[in-house]
Amino acid sequence: MGQSDLQAGACLCGASRFEFDGSAVVSAHHCHCRDCQRSTGSSMTTIVLVPDSSFRELEGDVGDFTVTGESGGQVTRCFCRQCGSPLYSHVSIMPGVKFVKAAALEDASWVQPISSFWTSSAQPWGHVDTAIDGFERNPAG
């Protein structure tokens, strides 16, 4: 899945920037949970799982907002304080991993999601990719 080069990302206004080692990417997924829908304003979000050790914030004023997910775990979503663009999340059930928003990447053409989470809350007007594994909620760990 991972790329051997440095991957860069930024918010809409360009004030908040980050990078990570593409070869360290764990996997990519679509999430159709209601929280992701609300935080993105779309039917889902596509996330790229990156170890914290490979991720580096470069600049910007990144804010965060924490909620308790339906599973009972904490989800902290990080965003640019200037333009509000979603950048990445931290999830308490997976410490040490950033859930980078694929849409924040400078080049996301290489991202290949392997599954969809929370298909039970997928919107009828949104696309659920049936060519990849789907889980009604979070996948069993």
Protein backbone atom coordinates (compact mmCIF):
# COMPACT_ATOMS: atom_id res chain seq x y z
CA MET A 1 0.00 0.00 0.00
CA GLY A 2 2.63 2.50 1.05
CA GLN A 3 4.65 4.73 -1.19
CA SER A 4 8.41 4.89 -0.81
CA ASP A 5 8.51 8.67 -1.05
CA LEU A 6 7.51 11.47 1.25
CA GLN A 7 3.79 12.25 1.16
CA ALA A 8 2.62 15.80 1.82
CA GLY A 9 -0.73 17.20 2.87
CA ALA A 10 -2.30 20.56 3.58
CA CYS A 11 -5.53 22.30 4.39
CA LEU A 12 -7.59 24.32 1.91
CA CYS A 13 -5.89 27.65 2.70
CA GLY A 14 -2.40 26.11 2.85
CA ALA A 15 -1.64 27.39 6.35
CA SER A 16 -1.52 23.92 7.96
CA ARG A 17 0.86 21.41 6.39
CA PHE A 18 2.09 17.93 7.25
CA GLU A 19 4.11 15.10 5.76
CA PHE A 20 4.71 11.40 6.35
CA ASP A 21 6.74 8.50 5.03
CA GLY A 22 4.52 6.82 2.43
CA SER A 23 6.29 3.49 2.90
CA ALA A 24 5.00 3.38 6.50
CA VAL A 25 1.31 3.56 5.56
CA VAL A 26 -0.62 0.74 7.23
CA SER A 27 -3.79 0.79 5.12
CA ALA A 28 -6.62 2.98 3.82
CA HIS A 29 -10.39 2.75 4.41
CA HIS A 30 -13.69 4.51 3.85
CA CYS A 31 -15.74 5.40 6.94
CA HIS A 32 -19.48 5.98 6.64
CA CYS A 33 -20.19 6.75 10.33
CA ARG A 34 -22.45 9.71 11.13
CA ASP A 35 -19.62 11.58 12.85
CA CYS A 36 -17.43 11.37 9.72
CA GLN A 37 -20.39 12.43 7.61
CA ARG A 38 -21.01 15.46 9.80
CA SER A 39 -17.35 16.45 10.07
CA THR A 40 -16.80 16.29 6.30
CA GLY A 41 -20.21 17.33 5.03
CA SER A 42 -20.28 14.30 2.73
CA SER A 43 -21.40 10.67 2.75
CA MET A 44 -18.07 9.37 4.10
CA THR A 45 -14.43 10.10 4.68
CA THR A 46 -11.44 8.22 3.29
CA ILE A 47 -8.66 7.69 5.81
CA VAL A 48 -5.04 6.62 5.47
CA LEU A 49 -3.58 4.99 8.60
CA VAL A 50 -0.08 6.31 9.34
CA PRO A 51 2.08 5.51 12.39
CA ASP A 52 2.73 8.59 14.55
CA SER A 53 6.46 7.90 14.22
CA SER A 54 6.26 8.55 10.45
CA PHE A 55 4.06 11.66 10.65
CA ARG A 56 5.28 15.24 11.05
CA GLU A 57 3.37 18.51 11.32
CA LEU A 58 5.25 21.19 9.39
CA GLU A 59 3.33 24.38 10.05
CA GLY A 60 -0.02 25.83 10.93
CA ASP A 61 -2.37 26.23 13.83
CA VAL A 62 -4.10 22.89 14.18
CA GLY A 63 -7.18 22.68 16.38
CA ASP A 64 -8.97 19.58 17.57
CA PHE A 65 -12.37 18.40 18.69
CA THR A 66 -12.95 15.19 20.67
CA VAL A 67 -16.11 13.10 20.75
CA THR A 68 -17.00 9.75 22.24
CA GLY A 69 -17.74 7.36 19.41
CA GLU A 70 -20.52 4.81 19.45
CA SER A 71 -17.93 2.19 20.45
CA GLY A 72 -17.20 4.19 23.62
CA GLY A 73 -13.73 5.25 22.47
CA GLN A 74 -12.52 8.81 22.03
CA VAL A 75 -12.08 10.23 18.53
CA THR A 76 -10.12 13.46 18.22
CA ARG A 77 -10.45 15.18 14.86
CA CYS A 78 -7.77 17.71 13.95
CA PHE A 79 -8.36 20.61 11.59
CA CYS A 80 -6.85 23.90 10.41
CA ARG A 81 -7.99 26.70 12.71
CA GLN A 82 -7.88 29.21 9.83
CA CYS A 83 -10.04 27.46 7.21
CA GLY A 84 -11.55 24.52 9.13
CA SER A 85 -10.30 21.83 6.75
CA PRO A 86 -10.17 18.32 8.28
CA LEU A 87 -6.59 17.00 8.38
CA TYR A 88 -6.33 13.86 10.52
CA SER A 89 -7.76 12.08 13.56
CA HIS A 90 -6.53 10.16 16.61
CA VAL A 91 -8.61 7.25 17.90
CA SER A 92 -8.20 5.98 21.47
CA ILE A 93 -8.62 2.34 20.45
CA MET A 94 -5.62 2.65 18.08
CA PRO A 95 -2.96 4.68 19.92
CA GLY A 96 0.14 5.60 17.93
CA VAL A 97 -1.71 5.89 14.61
CA LYS A 98 -2.97 8.95 12.74
CA PHE A 99 -6.04 8.63 10.54
CA VAL A 100 -5.00 11.06 7.79
CA LYS A 101 -7.83 12.41 5.64
CA ALA A 102 -7.03 11.34 2.07
CA ALA A 103 -8.59 14.54 0.73
CA ALA A 104 -5.92 16.56 2.58
CA LEU A 105 -3.09 14.88 0.65
CA GLU A 106 -1.35 16.87 -2.08
CA ASP A 107 -1.56 13.74 -4.27
CA ALA A 108 -4.05 11.09 -3.17
CA SER A 109 -4.06 9.18 -6.47
CA TRP A 110 -2.13 6.28 -4.91
CA VAL A 111 -4.61 5.69 -2.06
CA GLN A 112 -6.38 2.32 -2.35
CA PRO A 113 -8.98 1.71 0.38
CA ILE A 114 -9.28 -1.94 1.36
CA SER A 115 -12.55 -1.74 3.30
CA SER A 116 -15.51 0.37 4.35
CA PHE A 117 -16.50 0.87 8.00
CA TRP A 118 -19.96 1.71 9.34
CA THR A 119 -21.84 0.68 6.21
CA SER A 120 -24.93 0.43 8.46
CA SER A 121 -25.08 4.24 8.51
CA ALA A 122 -24.12 4.80 4.87
CA GLN A 123 -26.34 7.32 3.13
CA PRO A 124 -28.55 6.00 0.32
CA TRP A 125 -27.29 8.85 -1.88
CA GLY A 126 -23.64 8.00 -1.17
CA HIS A 127 -21.58 5.26 -2.80
CA VAL A 128 -20.51 2.17 -0.84
CA ASP A 129 -17.80 0.33 -2.76
CA THR A 130 -18.98 -3.29 -2.85
CA ALA A 131 -15.72 -4.42 -4.46
CA ILE A 132 -13.97 -4.11 -1.07
CA ASP A 133 -14.79 -5.59 2.34
CA GLY A 134 -17.57 -3.84 4.21
CA PHE A 135 -18.29 -3.79 7.94
CA GLU A 136 -21.61 -2.68 9.40
CA ARG A 137 -19.71 -1.08 12.30
CA ASN A 138 -16.02 -1.05 13.22
CA PRO A 139 -14.17 -4.18 12.09
CA ALA A 140 -13.50 -6.71 14.85
CA GLY A 141 -10.02 -6.21 16.25
